[in-house]
């Protein structure tokens, strides 16, 4: 309780967001999620459900891109996905995906994939983000591919 009171005493209100933030880790997550939602809404990033992903025609109709970091791939990947970590996405996407084809990006929970989708959209790709990311997909998955050694092209 002492920690909570101390954090609450350090709260401030950000005027443009009309929201109270603290200096603790909860505030950082709130700012991040607010930022992601703002990007999604202002850039008109379409999020698709796991069911919608499963109903899409398989490649070459679209490319599924996993933007998680290499260390996160221990839990496996969605079958058919190529792995391009978020930090390398803009640099490596053209080596892996033609700009003429649709892209569905995903991360662990769906937040980073919205930011990735915004970047790809700015680059001229037709892109969607998997709502809930790998975590949501894993809940109803029929199959999970084991981690790959490397799926990005040098």
C-alpha atoms as a PDB file:
ATOM      1  CA  UNK A   1       0.000   0.000   0.000  1.00  0.00           C
ATOM      2  CA  UNK A   2       2.875   2.393   0.738  1.00  0.00           C
ATOM      3  CA  UNK A   3       4.228   1.956  -2.784  1.00  0.00           C
ATOM      4  CA  UNK A   4       0.834   2.629  -4.314  1.00  0.00           C
ATOM      5  CA  UNK A   5       0.415   5.833  -2.295  1.00  0.00           C
ATOM      6  CA  UNK A   6       3.891   6.984  -3.241  1.00  0.00           C
ATOM      7  CA  UNK A   7       3.223   6.359  -6.924  1.00  0.00           C
ATOM      8  CA  UNK A   8      -0.141   8.078  -6.790  1.00  0.00           C
ATOM      9  CA  UNK A   9       1.476  11.115  -5.181  1.00  0.00           C
ATOM     10  CA  UNK A  10       3.716  11.381  -8.234  1.00  0.00           C
ATOM     11  CA  UNK A  11       0.802  11.299 -10.682  1.00  0.00           C
ATOM     12  CA  UNK A  12       0.417  13.976 -13.305  1.00  0.00           C
ATOM     13  CA  UNK A  13      -2.226  14.669 -15.890  1.00  0.00           C
ATOM     14  CA  UNK A  14      -1.160  14.855 -19.501  1.00  0.00           C
ATOM     15  CA  UNK A  15      -3.329  17.606 -21.045  1.00  0.00           C
ATOM     16  CA  UNK A  16      -3.461  16.313 -24.618  1.00  0.00           C
ATOM     17  CA  UNK A  17      -4.491  12.799 -23.588  1.00  0.00           C
ATOM     18  CA  UNK A  18      -6.688  13.842 -20.661  1.00  0.00           C
ATOM     19  CA  UNK A  19      -5.379  10.927 -18.673  1.00  0.00           C
ATOM     20  CA  UNK A  20      -3.511  10.618 -15.409  1.00  0.00           C
ATOM     21  CA  UNK A  21      -0.139   8.916 -15.543  1.00  0.00           C
ATOM     22  CA  UNK A  22       2.179   7.808 -12.809  1.00  0.00           C
ATOM     23  CA  UNK A  23       5.928   7.451 -12.888  1.00  0.00           C
ATOM     24  CA  UNK A  24       5.684   3.698 -12.237  1.00  0.00           C
ATOM     25  CA  UNK A  25       5.656   0.829 -14.733  1.00  0.00           C
ATOM     26  CA  UNK A  26       1.853   0.884 -14.988  1.00  0.00           C
ATOM     27  CA  UNK A  27       2.081   4.360 -16.487  1.00  0.00           C
ATOM     28  CA  UNK A  28       4.615   3.265 -19.068  1.00  0.00           C
ATOM     29  CA  UNK A  29       2.261   0.516 -20.242  1.00  0.00           C
ATOM     30  CA  UNK A  30      -0.627   2.993 -20.341  1.00  0.00           C
ATOM     31  CA  UNK A  31       1.354   5.427 -22.469  1.00  0.00           C
ATOM     32  CA  UNK A  32       2.464   2.655 -24.784  1.00  0.00           C
ATOM     33  CA  UNK A  33      -1.012   1.220 -25.266  1.00  0.00           C
ATOM     34  CA  UNK A  34      -2.460   4.722 -25.719  1.00  0.00           C
ATOM     35  CA  UNK A  35       0.192   5.383 -28.351  1.00  0.00           C
ATOM     36  CA  UNK A  36      -0.499   2.093 -30.167  1.00  0.00           C
ATOM     37  CA  UNK A  37      -4.257   2.735 -30.166  1.00  0.00           C
ATOM     38  CA  UNK A  38      -3.629   6.238 -31.483  1.00  0.00           C
ATOM     39  CA  UNK A  39      -1.461   4.865 -34.316  1.00  0.00           C
ATOM     40  CA  UNK A  40      -4.049   2.195 -35.132  1.00  0.00           C
ATOM     41  CA  UNK A  41      -6.875   4.704 -35.266  1.00  0.00           C
ATOM     42  CA  UNK A  42      -5.069   7.540 -37.056  1.00  0.00           C
ATOM     43  CA  UNK A  43      -3.389   5.295 -39.625  1.00  0.00           C
ATOM     44  CA  UNK A  44      -6.509   3.175 -40.126  1.00  0.00           C
ATOM     45  CA  UNK A  45      -4.646  -0.068 -39.463  1.00  0.00           C
ATOM     46  CA  UNK A  46      -6.997  -2.989 -39.959  1.00  0.00           C
ATOM     47  CA  UNK A  47      -6.837  -5.705 -37.336  1.00  0.00           C
ATOM     48  CA  UNK A  48      -8.041  -9.168 -38.254  1.00  0.00           C
ATOM     49  CA  UNK A  49      -9.140 -11.932 -35.944  1.00  0.00           C
ATOM     50  CA  UNK A  50      -7.603 -15.380 -35.769  1.00  0.00           C
ATOM     51  CA  UNK A  51     -10.740 -16.774 -37.433  1.00  0.00           C
ATOM     52  CA  UNK A  52     -10.372 -14.293 -40.290  1.00  0.00           C
ATOM     53  CA  UNK A  53      -6.707 -15.214 -40.669  1.00  0.00           C
ATOM     54  CA  UNK A  54      -7.582 -18.886 -40.860  1.00  0.00           C
ATOM     55  CA  UNK A  55     -10.188 -18.185 -43.548  1.00  0.00           C
ATOM     56  CA  UNK A  56      -7.794 -16.260 -45.813  1.00  0.00           C
ATOM     57  CA  UNK A  57      -6.445 -18.109 -48.796  1.00  0.00           C
ATOM     58  CA  UNK A  58      -2.964 -19.373 -48.089  1.00  0.00           C
ATOM     59  CA  UNK A  59       0.088 -17.905 -49.816  1.00  0.00           C
ATOM     60  CA  UNK A  60       0.636 -16.693 -52.455  1.00  0.00           C
ATOM     61  CA  UNK A  61      -2.531 -14.751 -51.512  1.00  0.00           C
ATOM     62  CA  UNK A  62      -0.779 -13.081 -48.606  1.00  0.00           C
ATOM     63  CA  UNK A  63       2.423 -13.217 -46.563  1.00  0.00           C
ATOM     64  CA  UNK A  64       2.323 -13.818 -42.828  1.00  0.00           C
ATOM     65  CA  UNK A  65       5.166 -11.977 -41.083  1.00  0.00           C
ATOM     66  CA  UNK A  66       6.188 -12.609 -37.471  1.00  0.00           C
ATOM     67  CA  UNK A  67       7.784  -9.426 -36.089  1.00  0.00           C
ATOM     68  CA  UNK A  68       8.738 -10.846 -32.693  1.00  0.00           C
ATOM     69  CA  UNK A  69      12.359 -10.841 -31.602  1.00  0.00           C
ATOM     70  CA  UNK A  70      14.399 -13.983 -32.214  1.00  0.00           C
ATOM     71  CA  UNK A  71      14.408 -14.792 -28.493  1.00  0.00           C
ATOM     72  CA  UNK A  72      10.587 -14.882 -28.525  1.00  0.00           C
ATOM     73  CA  UNK A  73      10.420 -17.609 -31.156  1.00  0.00           C
ATOM     74  CA  UNK A  74      11.103 -20.334 -28.566  1.00  0.00           C
ATOM     75  CA  UNK A  75       7.351 -20.792 -28.245  1.00  0.00           C
ATOM     76  CA  UNK A  76       7.071 -21.535 -31.960  1.00  0.00           C
ATOM     77  CA  UNK A  77       5.591 -19.665 -34.887  1.00  0.00           C
ATOM     78  CA  UNK A  78       2.373 -19.741 -36.864  1.00  0.00           C
ATOM     79  CA  UNK A  79       2.765 -22.207 -39.756  1.00  0.00           C
ATOM     80  CA  UNK A  80       3.676 -20.444 -42.977  1.00  0.00           C
ATOM     81  CA  UNK A  81       5.046 -17.320 -41.279  1.00  0.00           C
ATOM     82  CA  UNK A  82       8.348 -15.723 -42.095  1.00  0.00           C
ATOM     83  CA  UNK A  83      10.242 -14.136 -39.212  1.00  0.00           C
ATOM     84  CA  UNK A  84      11.539 -10.606 -39.542  1.00  0.00           C
ATOM     85  CA  UNK A  85      12.180  -8.972 -36.156  1.00  0.00           C
ATOM     86  CA  UNK A  86      10.526  -5.579 -35.720  1.00  0.00           C
ATOM     87  CA  UNK A  87      13.897  -3.829 -35.594  1.00  0.00           C
ATOM     88  CA  UNK A  88      14.818  -5.131 -39.060  1.00  0.00           C
ATOM     89  CA  UNK A  89      11.401  -5.019 -40.694  1.00  0.00           C
ATOM     90  CA  UNK A  90      11.700  -1.910 -42.830  1.00  0.00           C
ATOM     91  CA  UNK A  91      15.170  -2.940 -44.012  1.00  0.00           C
ATOM     92  CA  UNK A  92      14.416  -6.613 -44.747  1.00  0.00           C
ATOM     93  CA  UNK A  93      10.785  -6.688 -45.868  1.00  0.00           C
ATOM     94  CA  UNK A  94      11.530  -6.113 -49.556  1.00  0.00           C
ATOM     95  CA  UNK A  95      13.910  -9.092 -49.600  1.00  0.00           C
ATOM     96  CA  UNK A  96      11.080 -11.339 -48.438  1.00  0.00           C
ATOM     97  CA  UNK A  97       7.763  -9.895 -49.597  1.00  0.00           C
ATOM     98  CA  UNK A  98       6.862  -8.274 -52.940  1.00  0.00           C
ATOM     99  CA  UNK A  99       5.104  -4.950 -52.474  1.00  0.00           C
ATOM    100  CA  UNK A 100       2.249  -6.177 -54.666  1.00  0.00           C
ATOM    101  CA  UNK A 101       1.137  -8.827 -52.162  1.00  0.00           C
ATOM    102  CA  UNK A 102      -0.882  -8.453 -48.994  1.00  0.00           C
ATOM    103  CA  UNK A 103       0.876  -8.766 -45.642  1.00  0.00           C
ATOM    104  CA  UNK A 104      -0.472  -9.865 -42.258  1.00  0.00           C
ATOM    105  CA  UNK A 105       1.888  -9.054 -39.393  1.00  0.00           C
ATOM    106  CA  UNK A 106       1.807 -10.413 -35.866  1.00  0.00           C
ATOM    107  CA  UNK A 107       3.795 -10.172 -32.642  1.00  0.00           C
ATOM    108  CA  UNK A 108       3.221 -11.679 -29.203  1.00  0.00           C
ATOM    109  CA  UNK A 109       0.125  -9.672 -28.213  1.00  0.00           C
ATOM    110  CA  UNK A 110      -0.787  -7.455 -31.162  1.00  0.00           C
ATOM    111  CA  UNK A 111       0.687  -4.122 -30.098  1.00  0.00           C
ATOM    112  CA  UNK A 112       4.021  -4.131 -31.909  1.00  0.00           C
ATOM    113  CA  UNK A 113       2.359  -5.540 -34.996  1.00  0.00           C
ATOM    114  CA  UNK A 114       0.176  -2.428 -35.213  1.00  0.00           C
ATOM    115  CA  UNK A 115       3.317  -0.288 -35.211  1.00  0.00           C
ATOM    116  CA  UNK A 116       4.885  -2.621 -37.789  1.00  0.00           C
ATOM    117  CA  UNK A 117       1.758  -2.410 -39.934  1.00  0.00           C
ATOM    118  CA  UNK A 118       1.916   1.375 -39.865  1.00  0.00           C
ATOM    119  CA  UNK A 119       5.500   1.317 -41.126  1.00  0.00           C
ATOM    120  CA  UNK A 120       4.682  -1.136 -43.889  1.00  0.00           C
ATOM    121  CA  UNK A 121       1.629   0.875 -44.886  1.00  0.00           C
ATOM    122  CA  UNK A 122       3.814   3.974 -45.206  1.00  0.00           C
ATOM    123  CA  UNK A 123       6.174   1.952 -47.404  1.00  0.00           C
ATOM    124  CA  UNK A 124       3.268   1.133 -49.721  1.00  0.00           C
ATOM    125  CA  UNK A 125       2.260  -2.346 -48.559  1.00  0.00           C
ATOM    126  CA  UNK A 126      -1.329  -3.487 -48.132  1.00  0.00           C
ATOM    127  CA  UNK A 127      -1.128  -4.709 -44.548  1.00  0.00           C
ATOM    128  CA  UNK A 128      -3.221  -5.976 -41.650  1.00  0.00           C
ATOM    129  CA  UNK A 129      -2.360  -6.782 -38.048  1.00  0.00           C
ATOM    130  CA  UNK A 130      -3.393  -9.962 -36.255  1.00  0.00           C
ATOM    131  CA  UNK A 131      -5.511  -8.912 -33.277  1.00  0.00           C
ATOM    132  CA  UNK A 132      -4.139 -10.421 -30.075  1.00  0.00           C
ATOM    133  CA  UNK A 133      -1.024 -11.667 -31.852  1.00  0.00           C
ATOM    134  CA  UNK A 134       0.571 -15.058 -31.356  1.00  0.00           C
ATOM    135  CA  UNK A 135      -0.944 -15.378 -27.897  1.00  0.00           C
ATOM    136  CA  UNK A 136      -4.480 -15.200 -29.261  1.00  0.00           C
ATOM    137  CA  UNK A 137      -3.679 -17.477 -32.185  1.00  0.00           C
ATOM    138  CA  UNK A 138      -2.086 -20.056 -29.881  1.00  0.00           C
ATOM    139  CA  UNK A 139      -5.307 -20.421 -27.853  1.00  0.00           C
ATOM    140  CA  UNK A 140      -7.095 -22.095 -30.744  1.00  0.00           C
ATOM    141  CA  UNK A 141      -4.159 -23.370 -32.744  1.00  0.00           C
ATOM    142  CA  UNK A 142      -4.282 -26.705 -34.490  1.00  0.00           C
ATOM    143  CA  UNK A 143      -0.546 -26.552 -35.104  1.00  0.00           C
ATOM    144  CA  UNK A 144       2.427 -24.526 -34.002  1.00  0.00           C
ATOM    145  CA  UNK A 145       5.635 -24.826 -35.937  1.00  0.00           C
ATOM    146  CA  UNK A 146       8.759 -25.312 -33.861  1.00  0.00           C
ATOM    147  CA  UNK A 147      11.162 -22.410 -33.725  1.00  0.00           C
ATOM    148  CA  UNK A 148      13.200 -21.892 -36.854  1.00  0.00           C
ATOM    149  CA  UNK A 149      16.933 -21.355 -36.898  1.00  0.00           C
ATOM    150  CA  UNK A 150      16.550 -18.368 -39.177  1.00  0.00           C
ATOM    151  CA  UNK A 151      13.915 -17.428 -41.694  1.00  0.00           C
ATOM    152  CA  UNK A 152      15.212 -14.015 -42.633  1.00  0.00           C
ATOM    153  CA  UNK A 153      17.353 -13.653 -45.700  1.00  0.00           C
ATOM    154  CA  UNK A 154      20.701 -11.963 -45.265  1.00  0.00           C
END
